C-alpha atoms as a PDB file:
ATOM      1  CA  MET A   1      -1.509  21.256 -49.880  1.00  0.00           C
ATOM      2  CA  SER A   2       0.302  24.047 -51.656  1.00  0.00           C
ATOM      3  CA  LEU A   3       3.663  25.196 -50.394  1.00  0.00           C
ATOM      4  CA  GLU A   4       2.296  28.613 -49.482  1.00  0.00           C
ATOM      5  CA  LYS A   5      -0.471  27.126 -47.308  1.00  0.00           C
ATOM      6  CA  GLN A   6       1.986  24.753 -45.688  1.00  0.00           C
ATOM      7  CA  ILE A   7       4.364  27.640 -44.899  1.00  0.00           C
ATOM      8  CA  ASN A   8       1.492  29.696 -43.439  1.00  0.00           C
ATOM      9  CA  ASP A   9       0.439  26.778 -41.217  1.00  0.00           C
ATOM     10  CA  ASP A  10       4.015  26.285 -40.039  1.00  0.00           C
ATOM     11  CA  ILE A  11       4.340  30.023 -39.328  1.00  0.00           C
ATOM     12  CA  LYS A  12       1.284  29.809 -37.073  1.00  0.00           C
ATOM     13  CA  LYS A  13       2.773  26.803 -35.262  1.00  0.00           C
ATOM     14  CA  ALA A  14       6.102  28.590 -34.800  1.00  0.00           C
ATOM     15  CA  MET A  15       4.310  31.669 -33.473  1.00  0.00           C
ATOM     16  CA  LEU A  16       2.365  29.579 -30.952  1.00  0.00           C
ATOM     17  CA  ALA A  17       5.566  27.805 -29.912  1.00  0.00           C
ATOM     18  CA  LYS A  18       7.366  31.168 -29.717  1.00  0.00           C
ATOM     19  CA  ASP A  19      10.160  29.730 -31.846  1.00  0.00           C
ATOM     20  CA  ARG A  20      11.739  32.940 -33.117  1.00  0.00           C
ATOM     21  CA  ASP A  21      14.471  31.359 -35.264  1.00  0.00           C
ATOM     22  CA  THR A  22      12.101  29.040 -37.109  1.00  0.00           C
ATOM     23  CA  LEU A  23       9.645  31.889 -37.532  1.00  0.00           C
ATOM     24  CA  ASP A  24      12.322  34.078 -39.145  1.00  0.00           C
ATOM     25  CA  ALA A  25      13.296  31.284 -41.544  1.00  0.00           C
ATOM     26  CA  LEU A  26       9.675  30.613 -42.511  1.00  0.00           C
ATOM     27  CA  ARG A  27       8.981  34.298 -43.020  1.00  0.00           C
ATOM     28  CA  SER A  28      11.944  34.554 -45.394  1.00  0.00           C
ATOM     29  CA  ILE A  29      10.492  31.700 -47.458  1.00  0.00           C
ATOM     30  CA  LYS A  30       7.057  33.314 -47.434  1.00  0.00           C
ATOM     31  CA  SER A  31       8.559  36.633 -48.511  1.00  0.00           C
ATOM     32  CA  ALA A  32      10.321  35.003 -51.455  1.00  0.00           C
ATOM     33  CA  LEU A  33       7.080  33.254 -52.445  1.00  0.00           C
ATOM     34  CA  LEU A  34       5.125  36.520 -52.319  1.00  0.00           C
ATOM     35  CA  ILE A  35       7.730  38.282 -54.444  1.00  0.00           C
ATOM     36  CA  GLU A  36       7.574  35.418 -56.952  1.00  0.00           C
ATOM     37  CA  LYS A  37       3.777  35.563 -56.920  1.00  0.00           C
ATOM     38  CA  THR A  38       3.841  39.163 -58.118  1.00  0.00           C
ATOM     39  CA  GLY A  39       6.133  38.201 -60.998  1.00  0.00           C
ATOM     40  CA  LYS A  40       5.370  36.606 -64.326  1.00  0.00           C
ATOM     41  CA  ASN A  41       5.608  32.965 -63.189  1.00  0.00           C
ATOM     42  CA  LYS A  42       2.113  32.678 -61.748  1.00  0.00           C
ATOM     43  CA  THR A  43      -0.803  30.750 -63.246  1.00  0.00           C
ATOM     44  CA  GLU A  44      -4.187  32.214 -64.176  1.00  0.00           C
ATOM     45  CA  ASP A  45      -5.547  31.632 -60.669  1.00  0.00           C
ATOM     46  CA  GLY A  46      -2.633  33.564 -59.150  1.00  0.00           C
ATOM     47  CA  GLU A  47      -0.767  30.524 -57.842  1.00  0.00           C
ATOM     48  CA  ILE A  48       2.866  29.672 -58.476  1.00  0.00           C
ATOM     49  CA  PRO A  49       3.556  26.399 -60.347  1.00  0.00           C
ATOM     50  CA  GLU A  50       5.218  23.699 -58.261  1.00  0.00           C
ATOM     51  CA  SER A  51       8.306  23.682 -60.497  1.00  0.00           C
ATOM     52  CA  VAL A  52       8.840  27.412 -59.833  1.00  0.00           C
ATOM     53  CA  GLU A  53       8.347  26.887 -56.088  1.00  0.00           C
ATOM     54  CA  LEU A  54      10.938  24.139 -56.186  1.00  0.00           C
ATOM     55  CA  LYS A  55      13.476  26.291 -58.029  1.00  0.00           C
ATOM     56  CA  LEU A  56      12.848  29.119 -55.574  1.00  0.00           C
ATOM     57  CA  LEU A  57      13.471  26.855 -52.583  1.00  0.00           C
ATOM     58  CA  GLN A  58      16.644  25.530 -54.198  1.00  0.00           C
ATOM     59  CA  LYS A  59      17.828  29.088 -54.767  1.00  0.00           C
ATOM     60  CA  LEU A  60      17.142  30.015 -51.137  1.00  0.00           C
ATOM     61  CA  ALA A  61      18.943  26.894 -49.921  1.00  0.00           C
ATOM     62  CA  LYS A  62      21.951  27.620 -52.101  1.00  0.00           C
ATOM     63  CA  GLN A  63      22.091  31.217 -50.834  1.00  0.00           C
ATOM     64  CA  ARG A  64      22.060  30.025 -47.212  1.00  0.00           C
ATOM     65  CA  GLN A  65      24.775  27.453 -47.911  1.00  0.00           C
ATOM     66  CA  GLU A  66      27.021  30.014 -49.608  1.00  0.00           C
ATOM     67  CA  SER A  67      26.461  32.553 -46.830  1.00  0.00           C
ATOM     68  CA  ALA A  68      27.324  29.985 -44.178  1.00  0.00           C
ATOM     69  CA  GLU A  69      30.549  29.097 -45.997  1.00  0.00           C
ATOM     70  CA  THR A  70      31.469  32.771 -46.278  1.00  0.00           C
ATOM     71  CA  TYR A  71      30.835  33.331 -42.572  1.00  0.00           C
ATOM     72  CA  LYS A  72      32.961  30.298 -41.690  1.00  0.00           C
ATOM     73  CA  GLU A  73      35.816  31.618 -43.854  1.00  0.00           C
ATOM     74  CA  GLN A  74      35.568  34.972 -42.057  1.00  0.00           C
ATOM     75  CA  ASN A  75      35.670  33.219 -38.677  1.00  0.00           C
ATOM     76  CA  ARG A  76      32.071  34.153 -37.766  1.00  0.00           C
ATOM     77  CA  PRO A  77      30.660  30.814 -36.555  1.00  0.00           C
ATOM     78  CA  GLU A  78      27.631  32.378 -34.830  1.00  0.00           C
ATOM     79  CA  LEU A  79      26.421  33.862 -38.134  1.00  0.00           C
ATOM     80  CA  ALA A  80      27.220  30.660 -40.023  1.00  0.00           C
ATOM     81  CA  GLU A  81      25.133  28.676 -37.546  1.00  0.00           C
ATOM     82  CA  GLY A  82      22.137  30.963 -38.148  1.00  0.00           C
ATOM     83  CA  GLU A  83      22.402  30.442 -41.904  1.00  0.00           C
ATOM     84  CA  LEU A  84      22.733  26.675 -41.499  1.00  0.00           C
ATOM     85  CA  PHE A  85      19.650  26.643 -39.259  1.00  0.00           C
ATOM     86  CA  GLN A  86      17.663  28.461 -41.950  1.00  0.00           C
ATOM     87  CA  LEU A  87      19.031  26.015 -44.535  1.00  0.00           C
ATOM     88  CA  ARG A  88      17.693  23.081 -42.497  1.00  0.00           C
ATOM     89  CA  ILE A  89      14.255  24.728 -42.341  1.00  0.00           C
ATOM     90  CA  ILE A  90      14.238  25.300 -46.129  1.00  0.00           C
ATOM     91  CA  GLU A  91      15.327  21.703 -46.778  1.00  0.00           C
ATOM     92  CA  ARG A  92      12.172  20.457 -45.015  1.00  0.00           C
ATOM     93  CA  TYR A  93      10.181  21.618 -48.027  1.00  0.00           C
ATOM     94  CA  LEU A  94      12.539  20.261 -50.701  1.00  0.00           C
ATOM     95  CA  PRO A  95      12.183  16.718 -52.022  1.00  0.00           C
ATOM     96  CA  GLU A  96      14.730  14.213 -50.771  1.00  0.00           C
ATOM     97  CA  GLN A  97      18.006  14.544 -52.652  1.00  0.00           C
ATOM     98  CA  MET A  98      19.302  11.640 -54.698  1.00  0.00           C
ATOM     99  CA  SER A  99      22.451   9.839 -53.621  1.00  0.00           C
ATOM    100  CA  ASP A 100      25.514  10.010 -55.864  1.00  0.00           C
ATOM    101  CA  GLU A 101      25.079   6.341 -56.804  1.00  0.00           C
ATOM    102  CA  GLU A 102      21.441   6.811 -57.857  1.00  0.00           C
ATOM    103  CA  LEU A 103      22.360   9.928 -59.777  1.00  0.00           C
ATOM    104  CA  LYS A 104      25.253   8.206 -61.540  1.00  0.00           C
ATOM    105  CA  GLU A 105      22.998   5.308 -62.590  1.00  0.00           C
ATOM    106  CA  GLY A 106      20.392   7.722 -63.934  1.00  0.00           C
ATOM    107  CA  VAL A 107      22.956   9.777 -65.848  1.00  0.00           C
ATOM    108  CA  GLU A 108      24.460   6.609 -67.352  1.00  0.00           C
ATOM    109  CA  GLN A 109      20.976   5.596 -68.488  1.00  0.00           C
ATOM    110  CA  ILE A 110      20.442   9.000 -70.135  1.00  0.00           C
ATOM    111  CA  ILE A 111      23.840   8.751 -71.847  1.00  0.00           C
ATOM    112  CA  ASN A 112      22.953   5.284 -73.191  1.00  0.00           C
ATOM    113  CA  GLU A 113      19.546   6.485 -74.426  1.00  0.00           C
ATOM    114  CA  THR A 114      20.985   9.527 -76.194  1.00  0.00           C
ATOM    115  CA  GLY A 115      24.050   7.714 -77.531  1.00  0.00           C
ATOM    116  CA  ALA A 116      26.363  10.387 -76.097  1.00  0.00           C
ATOM    117  CA  THR A 117      30.026   9.493 -76.436  1.00  0.00           C
ATOM    118  CA  SER A 118      32.048  12.638 -75.825  1.00  0.00           C
ATOM    119  CA  MET A 119      32.028  16.025 -74.132  1.00  0.00           C
ATOM    120  CA  LYS A 120      30.424  17.446 -77.278  1.00  0.00           C
ATOM    121  CA  ASP A 121      27.211  15.715 -76.217  1.00  0.00           C
ATOM    122  CA  MET A 122      27.233  17.159 -72.708  1.00  0.00           C
ATOM    123  CA  GLY A 123      24.623  19.823 -73.495  1.00  0.00           C
ATOM    124  CA  THR A 124      22.136  17.230 -74.684  1.00  0.00           C
ATOM    125  CA  VAL A 125      22.677  15.022 -71.648  1.00  0.00           C
ATOM    126  CA  MET A 126      22.511  17.966 -69.231  1.00  0.00           C
ATOM    127  CA  GLY A 127      19.276  19.233 -70.785  1.00  0.00           C
ATOM    128  CA  ILE A 128      17.540  15.924 -70.201  1.00  0.00           C
ATOM    129  CA  ALA A 129      19.138  15.281 -66.798  1.00  0.00           C
ATOM    130  CA  SER A 130      18.389  18.725 -65.381  1.00  0.00           C
ATOM    131  CA  LYS A 131      14.696  18.341 -66.259  1.00  0.00           C
ATOM    132  CA  LYS A 132      14.501  14.771 -65.017  1.00  0.00           C
ATOM    133  CA  TYR A 133      16.256  15.444 -61.699  1.00  0.00           C
ATOM    134  CA  SER A 134      14.954  18.939 -61.033  1.00  0.00           C
ATOM    135  CA  GLY A 135      14.680  19.339 -57.276  1.00  0.00           C
ATOM    136  CA  LYS A 136      16.165  15.918 -56.588  1.00  0.00           C
ATOM    137  CA  ALA A 137      19.760  16.817 -57.391  1.00  0.00           C
ATOM    138  CA  ASP A 138      21.786  19.987 -57.723  1.00  0.00           C
ATOM    139  CA  ASN A 139      22.754  20.774 -61.321  1.00  0.00           C
ATOM    140  CA  LYS A 140      26.392  21.126 -60.281  1.00  0.00           C
ATOM    141  CA  ARG A 141      26.401  17.549 -59.004  1.00  0.00           C
ATOM    142  CA  VAL A 142      24.725  16.364 -62.205  1.00  0.00           C
ATOM    143  CA  SER A 143      27.257  18.284 -64.298  1.00  0.00           C
ATOM    144  CA  ASP A 144      30.207  16.809 -62.407  1.00  0.00           C
ATOM    145  CA  ILE A 145      28.901  13.277 -62.905  1.00  0.00           C
ATOM    146  CA  VAL A 146      28.207  13.843 -66.612  1.00  0.00           C
ATOM    147  CA  LYS A 147      31.732  15.232 -67.068  1.00  0.00           C
ATOM    148  CA  SER A 148      33.325  12.296 -65.263  1.00  0.00           C
ATOM    149  CA  ILE A 149      31.438   9.755 -67.379  1.00  0.00           C
ATOM    150  CA  LEU A 150      31.898  11.474 -70.753  1.00  0.00           C
ATOM    151  CA  SER A 151      35.577  12.337 -70.358  1.00  0.00           C
END
């Protein structure tokens, strides 16, 4: 089932359950999908490729996380809690994130395959790793691990 159909089904369930908070979170995802659908990233049949959907969800999750942190810094816990709730809803549709140990093993394997030995090779390693772990790990985490291994 496509992400858009899954979101629509979950919106209907939230409406029937009268779950306003979940409904708002799902509608924000649907809105972002519709905006993306009108852009250039759609296929011939008007659908959005799964890789684009995944990047969009990651972007939405990152926005919610950053907003929650900002609200916490400004001593607005009620607003931070709303953002964190939306983040949890968005994370339902993201693939399970890799643990740091799994990620480190994978990055070490990529480094061995490419023969990378120094920070000069970081771009090569990051290019392969970001494609391989797209959706499963945040690029910042991947970058930090690559830096720690290569330096």
